[in-house]
């Protein structure tokens, strides 16, 4: 595969990555130091996958489509690797292209070759993937957290590295405080970053999950979820003038939903009431002896 060695101007990748990707010196056989430059054809079987890869899920269909494109067009953008030893390399970025190239049956792949220690490797992989790959919001959040904890960066430094302000970085990090079910919803792209940010403002985990389930069932927009969260917040201290119980819209929704299920199950109107202490009653009316027997049969009491 013919690959141009003309250097192209890189896009804005953040100050940190620009510094990390400066060509590292490498000794030649004569002992002279020369920067690594240009693109090399590296055998795929000499490349190890990146242990610091921030992306945890690769869509199989998307990989197959990329493999078909590579078969026709070749590799348009080289991957980046570090040299571990003679005939031994490790991915820094470009695992989708690497995996798709293997699927396409290629033996070699064009690659930028760099020298880096483990911490540089981690930082390069995380930042370059954040900037160049279509990571979901949760993968970005985990990448930010790893940069803070494993690369010993402060939030201000992290913002400089990835070209984001501190508020944006913090909004991503807050996603990691959400319950696992909601985090999975973000990962699987069932809900957006906007949906998740609205849910973060709810302190009660059960209420977060209740709105999350309703969001999925009714395919609520971000604006509707924000309105629901606002109503929940405003009703927190308000009391129902009739029953004196807390008028929690999420709780009302769950009770009404359960009441409808019971009515459908018994084939008659069902009354369900519950207070804030989870005490209440269920009333199932019947209109005749045969109607009562029908209900008892459903309950398997006769």
C-alpha atoms as a PDB file:
ATOM      1  CA  UNK A   1       0.000   0.000   0.000  1.00  0.00           C
ATOM      2  CA  UNK A   2       1.498   3.333  -1.033  1.00  0.00           C
ATOM      3  CA  UNK A   3       1.347   5.824   1.779  1.00  0.00           C
ATOM      4  CA  UNK A   4       2.468   9.439   1.477  1.00  0.00           C
ATOM      5  CA  UNK A   5       5.158  10.489   3.933  1.00  0.00           C
ATOM      6  CA  UNK A   6       4.240  14.150   3.649  1.00  0.00           C
ATOM      7  CA  UNK A   7       3.624  15.532   7.100  1.00  0.00           C
ATOM      8  CA  UNK A   8       0.163  16.979   7.522  1.00  0.00           C
ATOM      9  CA  UNK A   9      -0.766  19.618  10.049  1.00  0.00           C
ATOM     10  CA  UNK A  10      -2.470  18.042  13.036  1.00  0.00           C
ATOM     11  CA  UNK A  11      -5.797  19.336  14.274  1.00  0.00           C
ATOM     12  CA  UNK A  12      -6.178  20.941  17.666  1.00  0.00           C
ATOM     13  CA  UNK A  13      -5.533  18.069  20.061  1.00  0.00           C
ATOM     14  CA  UNK A  14      -4.884  19.989  23.256  1.00  0.00           C
ATOM     15  CA  UNK A  15      -1.595  21.376  24.564  1.00  0.00           C
ATOM     16  CA  UNK A  16      -0.722  18.228  26.492  1.00  0.00           C
ATOM     17  CA  UNK A  17      -1.040  15.869  23.553  1.00  0.00           C
ATOM     18  CA  UNK A  18       0.895  18.193  21.266  1.00  0.00           C
ATOM     19  CA  UNK A  19       3.812  18.098  23.696  1.00  0.00           C
ATOM     20  CA  UNK A  20       3.604  14.344  24.219  1.00  0.00           C
ATOM     21  CA  UNK A  21       3.542  13.616  20.494  1.00  0.00           C
ATOM     22  CA  UNK A  22       6.717  15.534  19.737  1.00  0.00           C
ATOM     23  CA  UNK A  23       9.102  13.217  17.963  1.00  0.00           C
ATOM     24  CA  UNK A  24      11.200  11.274  20.441  1.00  0.00           C
ATOM     25  CA  UNK A  25      14.894  10.606  19.784  1.00  0.00           C
ATOM     26  CA  UNK A  26      15.955   7.120  18.797  1.00  0.00           C
ATOM     27  CA  UNK A  27      19.500   5.886  18.426  1.00  0.00           C
ATOM     28  CA  UNK A  28      20.549   4.504  15.079  1.00  0.00           C
ATOM     29  CA  UNK A  29      23.034   1.665  14.641  1.00  0.00           C
ATOM     30  CA  UNK A  30      25.812   4.283  14.588  1.00  0.00           C
ATOM     31  CA  UNK A  31      24.732   5.568  17.994  1.00  0.00           C
ATOM     32  CA  UNK A  32      23.438   8.866  16.589  1.00  0.00           C
ATOM     33  CA  UNK A  33      20.205  10.394  17.864  1.00  0.00           C
ATOM     34  CA  UNK A  34      17.578  11.076  15.217  1.00  0.00           C
ATOM     35  CA  UNK A  35      13.897  11.949  15.701  1.00  0.00           C
ATOM     36  CA  UNK A  36      11.399   9.382  14.545  1.00  0.00           C
ATOM     37  CA  UNK A  37       9.628  10.896  11.545  1.00  0.00           C
ATOM     38  CA  UNK A  38       7.317   9.778   8.784  1.00  0.00           C
ATOM     39  CA  UNK A  39       5.057   6.751   8.582  1.00  0.00           C
ATOM     40  CA  UNK A  40       6.168   3.129   8.709  1.00  0.00           C
ATOM     41  CA  UNK A  41       4.511  -0.036   7.455  1.00  0.00           C
ATOM     42  CA  UNK A  42       4.213  -2.224  10.567  1.00  0.00           C
ATOM     43  CA  UNK A  43       3.147  -5.909  10.430  1.00  0.00           C
ATOM     44  CA  UNK A  44      -0.150  -6.405  12.246  1.00  0.00           C
ATOM     45  CA  UNK A  45       1.097  -9.527  13.989  1.00  0.00           C
ATOM     46  CA  UNK A  46       3.832  -7.463  15.665  1.00  0.00           C
ATOM     47  CA  UNK A  47       1.358  -5.067  17.296  1.00  0.00           C
ATOM     48  CA  UNK A  48      -0.080  -5.585  20.786  1.00  0.00           C
ATOM     49  CA  UNK A  49      -3.397  -4.024  21.748  1.00  0.00           C
ATOM     50  CA  UNK A  50      -3.315  -1.035  24.062  1.00  0.00           C
ATOM     51  CA  UNK A  51      -3.826  -2.034  27.745  1.00  0.00           C
ATOM     52  CA  UNK A  52      -4.746   1.588  28.451  1.00  0.00           C
ATOM     53  CA  UNK A  53      -7.480   1.716  25.798  1.00  0.00           C
ATOM     54  CA  UNK A  54     -10.302   3.939  27.145  1.00  0.00           C
ATOM     55  CA  UNK A  55     -12.926   2.555  24.760  1.00  0.00           C
ATOM     56  CA  UNK A  56     -14.544  -0.539  26.247  1.00  0.00           C
ATOM     57  CA  UNK A  57     -17.027  -1.411  23.514  1.00  0.00           C
ATOM     58  CA  UNK A  58     -16.573  -1.710  19.749  1.00  0.00           C
ATOM     59  CA  UNK A  59     -19.683  -2.036  17.597  1.00  0.00           C
ATOM     60  CA  UNK A  60     -19.298  -5.183  15.459  1.00  0.00           C
ATOM     61  CA  UNK A  61     -21.358  -3.841  12.550  1.00  0.00           C
ATOM     62  CA  UNK A  62     -19.387  -0.587  12.495  1.00  0.00           C
ATOM     63  CA  UNK A  63     -16.122  -2.581  12.495  1.00  0.00           C
ATOM     64  CA  UNK A  64     -17.326  -4.682   9.556  1.00  0.00           C
ATOM     65  CA  UNK A  65     -18.265  -1.527   7.636  1.00  0.00           C
ATOM     66  CA  UNK A  66     -14.844  -0.016   8.360  1.00  0.00           C
ATOM     67  CA  UNK A  67     -13.175  -3.258   7.216  1.00  0.00           C
ATOM     68  CA  UNK A  68     -15.075  -3.063   3.903  1.00  0.00           C
ATOM     69  CA  UNK A  69     -13.990   0.556   3.485  1.00  0.00           C
ATOM     70  CA  UNK A  70     -10.371  -0.363   4.196  1.00  0.00           C
ATOM     71  CA  UNK A  71     -10.551  -3.153   1.618  1.00  0.00           C
ATOM     72  CA  UNK A  72     -11.614  -0.616  -1.015  1.00  0.00           C
ATOM     73  CA  UNK A  73      -9.873   2.586   0.082  1.00  0.00           C
ATOM     74  CA  UNK A  74      -7.012   1.376   2.258  1.00  0.00           C
ATOM     75  CA  UNK A  75      -5.962   3.049   5.522  1.00  0.00           C
ATOM     76  CA  UNK A  76      -6.532   6.790   5.221  1.00  0.00           C
ATOM     77  CA  UNK A  77      -5.289   7.759   8.698  1.00  0.00           C
ATOM     78  CA  UNK A  78      -2.324   5.847  10.177  1.00  0.00           C
ATOM     79  CA  UNK A  79      -2.533   4.375  13.664  1.00  0.00           C
ATOM     80  CA  UNK A  80      -0.071   5.417  16.393  1.00  0.00           C
ATOM     81  CA  UNK A  81       2.146   2.857  18.142  1.00  0.00           C
ATOM     82  CA  UNK A  82       5.108   2.791  20.492  1.00  0.00           C
ATOM     83  CA  UNK A  83       8.098   0.567  19.897  1.00  0.00           C
ATOM     84  CA  UNK A  84       8.712  -1.922  22.711  1.00  0.00           C
ATOM     85  CA  UNK A  85      11.556  -3.881  21.112  1.00  0.00           C
ATOM     86  CA  UNK A  86      12.668  -5.115  17.708  1.00  0.00           C
ATOM     87  CA  UNK A  87       9.602  -6.389  15.847  1.00  0.00           C
ATOM     88  CA  UNK A  88       7.371  -5.554  18.805  1.00  0.00           C
ATOM     89  CA  UNK A  89       4.960  -2.608  19.015  1.00  0.00           C
ATOM     90  CA  UNK A  90       2.045  -1.506  21.178  1.00  0.00           C
ATOM     91  CA  UNK A  91      -0.982   0.514  20.130  1.00  0.00           C
ATOM     92  CA  UNK A  92      -1.340   4.060  21.421  1.00  0.00           C
ATOM     93  CA  UNK A  93      -4.406   4.955  19.359  1.00  0.00           C
ATOM     94  CA  UNK A  94      -6.365   3.578  16.418  1.00  0.00           C
ATOM     95  CA  UNK A  95      -7.649   0.246  17.726  1.00  0.00           C
ATOM     96  CA  UNK A  96     -10.764   0.398  15.518  1.00  0.00           C
ATOM     97  CA  UNK A  97      -8.540   0.754  12.435  1.00  0.00           C
ATOM     98  CA  UNK A  98      -6.253  -1.997  13.758  1.00  0.00           C
ATOM     99  CA  UNK A  99      -9.124  -4.452  14.386  1.00  0.00           C
ATOM    100  CA  UNK A 100     -10.834  -3.596  11.087  1.00  0.00           C
ATOM    101  CA  UNK A 101      -7.554  -4.068   9.185  1.00  0.00           C
ATOM    102  CA  UNK A 102      -7.233  -7.567  10.638  1.00  0.00           C
ATOM    103  CA  UNK A 103     -10.823  -8.280   9.575  1.00  0.00           C
ATOM    104  CA  UNK A 104      -9.980  -7.009   6.081  1.00  0.00           C
ATOM    105  CA  UNK A 105      -7.085  -9.483   5.861  1.00  0.00           C
ATOM    106  CA  UNK A 106      -4.263  -6.916   5.775  1.00  0.00           C
ATOM    107  CA  UNK A 107      -0.782  -8.015   6.834  1.00  0.00           C
ATOM    108  CA  UNK A 108       0.657  -4.544   7.447  1.00  0.00           C
ATOM    109  CA  UNK A 109      -0.696  -1.176   8.510  1.00  0.00           C
ATOM    110  CA  UNK A 110       0.759   2.350   8.256  1.00  0.00           C
ATOM    111  CA  UNK A 111       1.722   3.677  11.680  1.00  0.00           C
ATOM    112  CA  UNK A 112       3.382   6.588  13.425  1.00  0.00           C
ATOM    113  CA  UNK A 113       6.036   5.077  15.712  1.00  0.00           C
ATOM    114  CA  UNK A 114       6.684   6.804  19.043  1.00  0.00           C
ATOM    115  CA  UNK A 115       8.706   6.207  22.190  1.00  0.00           C
ATOM    116  CA  UNK A 116       6.837   6.608  25.483  1.00  0.00           C
ATOM    117  CA  UNK A 117       6.848   5.307  29.046  1.00  0.00           C
ATOM    118  CA  UNK A 118       3.707   3.822  30.610  1.00  0.00           C
ATOM    119  CA  UNK A 119       2.387   7.086  32.046  1.00  0.00           C
ATOM    120  CA  UNK A 120       2.965   8.936  28.779  1.00  0.00           C
ATOM    121  CA  UNK A 121       1.366   6.005  26.976  1.00  0.00           C
ATOM    122  CA  UNK A 122      -1.728   6.230  29.142  1.00  0.00           C
ATOM    123  CA  UNK A 123      -2.026   9.988  28.797  1.00  0.00           C
ATOM    124  CA  UNK A 124      -1.482   9.900  25.042  1.00  0.00           C
ATOM    125  CA  UNK A 125      -4.024   7.121  24.562  1.00  0.00           C
ATOM    126  CA  UNK A 126      -6.672   8.767  26.724  1.00  0.00           C
ATOM    127  CA  UNK A 127      -6.320  12.268  25.317  1.00  0.00           C
ATOM    128  CA  UNK A 128      -6.031  11.223  21.692  1.00  0.00           C
ATOM    129  CA  UNK A 129      -9.074   8.966  21.972  1.00  0.00           C
ATOM    130  CA  UNK A 130     -11.092  11.708  23.689  1.00  0.00           C
ATOM    131  CA  UNK A 131     -10.202  14.128  20.884  1.00  0.00           C
ATOM    132  CA  UNK A 132     -10.426  11.859  17.861  1.00  0.00           C
ATOM    133  CA  UNK A 133     -12.782   8.989  18.605  1.00  0.00           C
ATOM    134  CA  UNK A 134     -16.541   9.033  19.009  1.00  0.00           C
ATOM    135  CA  UNK A 135     -16.525   7.956  22.642  1.00  0.00           C
ATOM    136  CA  UNK A 136     -19.827   7.919  24.502  1.00  0.00           C
ATOM    137  CA  UNK A 137     -20.261  10.263  27.464  1.00  0.00           C
ATOM    138  CA  UNK A 138     -19.511   7.543  30.027  1.00  0.00           C
ATOM    139  CA  UNK A 139     -16.263   6.513  28.312  1.00  0.00           C
ATOM    140  CA  UNK A 140     -15.203  10.170  28.295  1.00  0.00           C
ATOM    141  CA  UNK A 141     -16.045  10.426  31.998  1.00  0.00           C
ATOM    142  CA  UNK A 142     -13.955   7.343  32.813  1.00  0.00           C
ATOM    143  CA  UNK A 143     -11.111   8.704  30.675  1.00  0.00           C
ATOM    144  CA  UNK A 144     -11.209  12.009  32.548  1.00  0.00           C
ATOM    145  CA  UNK A 145     -11.190  10.171  35.880  1.00  0.00           C
ATOM    146  CA  UNK A 146      -8.188   8.078  34.835  1.00  0.00           C
ATOM    147  CA  UNK A 147      -6.291  11.190  33.749  1.00  0.00           C
ATOM    148  CA  UNK A 148      -6.939  12.714  37.177  1.00  0.00           C
ATOM    149  CA  UNK A 149      -6.089   9.644  39.237  1.00  0.00           C
ATOM    150  CA  UNK A 150      -3.502   7.730  37.199  1.00  0.00           C
ATOM    151  CA  UNK A 151      -1.724  10.638  35.502  1.00  0.00           C
ATOM    152  CA  UNK A 152      -1.862  12.790  38.633  1.00  0.00           C
ATOM    153  CA  UNK A 153      -3.498  15.756  36.902  1.00  0.00           C
ATOM    154  CA  UNK A 154      -5.618  18.447  38.524  1.00  0.00           C
ATOM    155  CA  UNK A 155      -8.947  19.455  36.963  1.00  0.00           C
ATOM    156  CA  UNK A 156      -7.479  22.714  35.624  1.00  0.00           C
ATOM    157  CA  UNK A 157      -4.615  20.796  33.997  1.00  0.00           C
ATOM    158  CA  UNK A 158      -7.045  18.237  32.621  1.00  0.00           C
ATOM    159  CA  UNK A 159      -9.135  21.014  31.071  1.00  0.00           C
ATOM    160  CA  UNK A 160      -6.018  22.383  29.359  1.00  0.00           C
ATOM    161  CA  UNK A 161      -5.081  18.917  28.090  1.00  0.00           C
ATOM    162  CA  UNK A 162      -8.443  18.207  26.467  1.00  0.00           C
ATOM    163  CA  UNK A 163      -9.395  21.778  25.540  1.00  0.00           C
ATOM    164  CA  UNK A 164     -12.455  21.895  27.827  1.00  0.00           C
ATOM    165  CA  UNK A 165     -13.373  24.260  30.627  1.00  0.00           C
ATOM    166  CA  UNK A 166     -13.559  23.034  34.212  1.00  0.00           C
ATOM    167  CA  UNK A 167     -17.388  23.051  34.267  1.00  0.00           C
ATOM    168  CA  UNK A 168     -17.593  20.730  31.262  1.00  0.00           C
ATOM    169  CA  UNK A 169     -15.027  18.362  32.770  1.00  0.00           C
ATOM    170  CA  UNK A 170     -16.919  18.339  36.076  1.00  0.00           C
ATOM    171  CA  UNK A 171     -20.236  17.594  34.335  1.00  0.00           C
ATOM    172  CA  UNK A 172     -18.700  14.461  32.811  1.00  0.00           C
ATOM    173  CA  UNK A 173     -17.128  13.366  36.092  1.00  0.00           C
ATOM    174  CA  UNK A 174     -20.492  13.690  37.875  1.00  0.00           C
ATOM    175  CA  UNK A 175     -21.891  10.976  35.577  1.00  0.00           C
ATOM    176  CA  UNK A 176     -19.799   8.445  37.506  1.00  0.00           C
ATOM    177  CA  UNK A 177     -21.939   9.122  40.599  1.00  0.00           C
ATOM    178  CA  UNK A 178     -25.095   7.843  38.869  1.00  0.00           C
ATOM    179  CA  UNK A 179     -26.422   4.300  39.631  1.00  0.00           C
ATOM    180  CA  UNK A 180     -25.027   1.451  37.464  1.00  0.00           C
ATOM    181  CA  UNK A 181     -28.331   1.017  35.553  1.00  0.00           C
ATOM    182  CA  UNK A 182     -28.279   4.642  34.433  1.00  0.00           C
ATOM    183  CA  UNK A 183     -24.572   4.492  33.586  1.00  0.00           C
ATOM    184  CA  UNK A 184     -25.325   1.457  31.410  1.00  0.00           C
ATOM    185  CA  UNK A 185     -28.073   3.481  29.707  1.00  0.00           C
ATOM    186  CA  UNK A 186     -25.518   6.172  28.846  1.00  0.00           C
ATOM    187  CA  UNK A 187     -23.005   3.588  27.642  1.00  0.00           C
ATOM    188  CA  UNK A 188     -25.573   1.886  25.409  1.00  0.00           C
ATOM    189  CA  UNK A 189     -26.782   5.291  24.149  1.00  0.00           C
ATOM    190  CA  UNK A 190     -30.306   4.751  25.442  1.00  0.00           C
ATOM    191  CA  UNK A 191     -30.164   8.207  27.012  1.00  0.00           C
ATOM    192  CA  UNK A 192     -28.159  11.303  26.139  1.00  0.00           C
ATOM    193  CA  UNK A 193     -25.735  13.406  28.146  1.00  0.00           C
ATOM    194  CA  UNK A 194     -28.557  15.936  28.593  1.00  0.00           C
ATOM    195  CA  UNK A 195     -30.858  13.308  30.122  1.00  0.00           C
ATOM    196  CA  UNK A 196     -28.088  12.169  32.463  1.00  0.00           C
ATOM    197  CA  UNK A 197     -27.263  15.711  33.594  1.00  0.00           C
ATOM    198  CA  UNK A 198     -30.906  16.226  34.559  1.00  0.00           C
ATOM    199  CA  UNK A 199     -30.935  13.007  36.606  1.00  0.00           C
ATOM    200  CA  UNK A 200     -27.762  13.998  38.473  1.00  0.00           C
ATOM    201  CA  UNK A 201     -29.717  16.772  40.195  1.00  0.00           C
ATOM    202  CA  UNK A 202     -31.916  14.202  41.983  1.00  0.00           C
ATOM    203  CA  UNK A 203     -30.447  13.137  45.314  1.00  0.00           C
ATOM    204  CA  UNK A 204     -32.616  10.055  45.898  1.00  0.00           C
ATOM    205  CA  UNK A 205     -31.358   7.029  43.928  1.00  0.00           C
ATOM    206  CA  UNK A 206     -34.803   5.362  43.815  1.00  0.00           C
ATOM    207  CA  UNK A 207     -36.306   8.507  42.294  1.00  0.00           C
ATOM    208  CA  UNK A 208     -33.455   8.704  39.802  1.00  0.00           C
ATOM    209  CA  UNK A 209     -34.180   5.141  38.697  1.00  0.00           C
ATOM    210  CA  UNK A 210     -37.937   5.759  38.575  1.00  0.00           C
ATOM    211  CA  UNK A 211     -37.525   8.729  36.236  1.00  0.00           C
ATOM    212  CA  UNK A 212     -34.938   6.806  34.229  1.00  0.00           C
ATOM    213  CA  UNK A 213     -37.413   3.956  33.647  1.00  0.00           C
ATOM    214  CA  UNK A 214     -40.173   6.376  32.747  1.00  0.00           C
ATOM    215  CA  UNK A 215     -37.782   8.157  30.399  1.00  0.00           C
ATOM    216  CA  UNK A 216     -37.124   4.908  28.528  1.00  0.00           C
ATOM    217  CA  UNK A 217     -40.768   3.755  28.486  1.00  0.00           C
ATOM    218  CA  UNK A 218     -42.154   7.066  27.253  1.00  0.00           C
ATOM    219  CA  UNK A 219     -39.091   8.181  25.241  1.00  0.00           C
ATOM    220  CA  UNK A 220     -39.081  11.523  27.043  1.00  0.00           C
ATOM    221  CA  UNK A 221     -37.100  14.442  25.631  1.00  0.00           C
ATOM    222  CA  UNK A 222     -34.403  16.175  27.670  1.00  0.00           C
ATOM    223  CA  UNK A 223     -36.707  19.166  28.178  1.00  0.00           C
ATOM    224  CA  UNK A 224     -39.503  16.964  29.551  1.00  0.00           C
ATOM    225  CA  UNK A 225     -37.109  15.220  31.929  1.00  0.00           C
ATOM    226  CA  UNK A 226     -35.789  18.566  33.135  1.00  0.00           C
ATOM    227  CA  UNK A 227     -39.379  19.706  33.753  1.00  0.00           C
ATOM    228  CA  UNK A 228     -40.131  16.495  35.656  1.00  0.00           C
ATOM    229  CA  UNK A 229     -37.040  16.958  37.822  1.00  0.00           C
ATOM    230  CA  UNK A 230     -38.019  20.578  38.454  1.00  0.00           C
ATOM    231  CA  UNK A 231     -41.539  19.511  39.522  1.00  0.00           C
ATOM    232  CA  UNK A 232     -40.007  16.905  41.810  1.00  0.00           C
ATOM    233  CA  UNK A 233     -37.785  19.506  43.428  1.00  0.00           C
ATOM    234  CA  UNK A 234     -40.618  22.012  43.886  1.00  0.00           C
ATOM    235  CA  UNK A 235     -42.961  19.415  45.383  1.00  0.00           C
ATOM    236  CA  UNK A 236     -40.413  18.115  47.876  1.00  0.00           C
ATOM    237  CA  UNK A 237     -41.689  20.225  50.754  1.00  0.00           C
ATOM    238  CA  UNK A 238     -45.291  20.602  49.620  1.00  0.00           C
ATOM    239  CA  UNK A 239     -48.053  18.582  51.277  1.00  0.00           C
ATOM    240  CA  UNK A 240     -51.158  17.214  49.651  1.00  0.00           C
ATOM    241  CA  UNK A 241     -54.066  19.311  51.114  1.00  0.00           C
ATOM    242  CA  UNK A 242     -56.382  16.279  51.242  1.00  0.00           C
ATOM    243  CA  UNK A 243     -54.215  13.412  52.478  1.00  0.00           C
ATOM    244  CA  UNK A 244     -51.348  15.387  54.011  1.00  0.00           C
ATOM    245  CA  UNK A 245     -48.855  13.190  52.168  1.00  0.00           C
ATOM    246  CA  UNK A 246     -45.947  14.350  50.055  1.00  0.00           C
ATOM    247  CA  UNK A 247     -47.065  15.015  46.457  1.00  0.00           C
ATOM    248  CA  UNK A 248     -44.085  13.356  44.811  1.00  0.00           C
ATOM    249  CA  UNK A 249     -44.788  13.197  41.030  1.00  0.00           C
ATOM    250  CA  UNK A 250     -42.500  10.188  40.553  1.00  0.00           C
ATOM    251  CA  UNK A 251     -44.228   8.265  43.349  1.00  0.00           C
ATOM    252  CA  UNK A 252     -47.653   9.208  41.966  1.00  0.00           C
ATOM    253  CA  UNK A 253     -46.612   7.967  38.560  1.00  0.00           C
ATOM    254  CA  UNK A 254     -45.422   4.617  39.922  1.00  0.00           C
ATOM    255  CA  UNK A 255     -48.590   4.137  42.006  1.00  0.00           C
ATOM    256  CA  UNK A 256     -50.868   4.995  39.078  1.00  0.00           C
ATOM    257  CA  UNK A 257     -48.908   2.661  36.821  1.00  0.00           C
ATOM    258  CA  UNK A 258     -49.231  -0.215  39.323  1.00  0.00           C
ATOM    259  CA  UNK A 259     -52.935   0.554  39.781  1.00  0.00           C
ATOM    260  CA  UNK A 260     -53.468   0.270  36.017  1.00  0.00           C
ATOM    261  CA  UNK A 261     -51.628  -3.061  35.929  1.00  0.00           C
ATOM    262  CA  UNK A 262     -53.813  -4.434  38.720  1.00  0.00           C
ATOM    263  CA  UNK A 263     -56.981  -3.226  36.989  1.00  0.00           C
ATOM    264  CA  UNK A 264     -55.887  -4.913  33.777  1.00  0.00           C
ATOM    265  CA  UNK A 265     -54.996  -8.128  35.614  1.00  0.00           C
ATOM    266  CA  UNK A 266     -58.318  -8.414  37.477  1.00  0.00           C
ATOM    267  CA  UNK A 267     -60.494  -7.012  34.701  1.00  0.00           C
ATOM    268  CA  UNK A 268     -62.101  -4.458  36.982  1.00  0.00           C
ATOM    269  CA  UNK A 269     -61.362  -1.053  38.497  1.00  0.00           C
ATOM    270  CA  UNK A 270     -58.810  -1.298  41.320  1.00  0.00           C
ATOM    271  CA  UNK A 271     -58.078   1.340  43.964  1.00  0.00           C
ATOM    272  CA  UNK A 272     -54.503   1.545  45.265  1.00  0.00           C
ATOM    273  CA  UNK A 273     -53.417   3.963  47.979  1.00  0.00           C
ATOM    274  CA  UNK A 274     -50.055   4.300  49.737  1.00  0.00           C
ATOM    275  CA  UNK A 275     -48.601   6.842  52.169  1.00  0.00           C
ATOM    276  CA  UNK A 276     -45.017   8.023  52.633  1.00  0.00           C
ATOM    277  CA  UNK A 277     -44.354   5.180  55.078  1.00  0.00           C
ATOM    278  CA  UNK A 278     -45.254   2.597  52.406  1.00  0.00           C
ATOM    279  CA  UNK A 279     -48.499   1.696  54.128  1.00  0.00           C
ATOM    280  CA  UNK A 280     -51.814   1.623  52.288  1.00  0.00           C
ATOM    281  CA  UNK A 281     -54.570  -0.528  50.857  1.00  0.00           C
ATOM    282  CA  UNK A 282     -55.813  -2.182  47.674  1.00  0.00           C
ATOM    283  CA  UNK A 283     -59.545  -2.334  46.940  1.00  0.00           C
ATOM    284  CA  UNK A 284     -60.933  -4.723  44.331  1.00  0.00           C
ATOM    285  CA  UNK A 285     -64.694  -4.246  43.919  1.00  0.00           C
ATOM    286  CA  UNK A 286     -66.994  -7.051  42.680  1.00  0.00           C
ATOM    287  CA  UNK A 287     -70.560  -6.794  41.418  1.00  0.00           C
ATOM    288  CA  UNK A 288     -71.920 -10.291  41.900  1.00  0.00           C
ATOM    289  CA  UNK A 289     -71.154 -13.697  43.318  1.00  0.00           C
ATOM    290  CA  UNK A 290     -69.883 -14.890  39.952  1.00  0.00           C
ATOM    291  CA  UNK A 291     -67.690 -11.779  39.687  1.00  0.00           C
ATOM    292  CA  UNK A 292     -66.276 -12.504  43.155  1.00  0.00           C
ATOM    293  CA  UNK A 293     -65.584 -16.120  42.196  1.00  0.00           C
ATOM    294  CA  UNK A 294     -63.821 -14.911  39.054  1.00  0.00           C
ATOM    295  CA  UNK A 295     -61.509 -12.712  41.139  1.00  0.00           C
ATOM    296  CA  UNK A 296     -60.877 -15.517  43.633  1.00  0.00           C
ATOM    297  CA  UNK A 297     -59.941 -17.846  40.778  1.00  0.00           C
ATOM    298  CA  UNK A 298     -57.407 -15.277  39.542  1.00  0.00           C
ATOM    299  CA  UNK A 299     -55.994 -15.194  43.075  1.00  0.00           C
ATOM    300  CA  UNK A 300     -55.990 -19.010  43.020  1.00  0.00           C
ATOM    301  CA  UNK A 301     -58.045 -19.119  46.217  1.00  0.00           C
ATOM    302  CA  UNK A 302     -60.709 -21.475  44.849  1.00  0.00           C
END
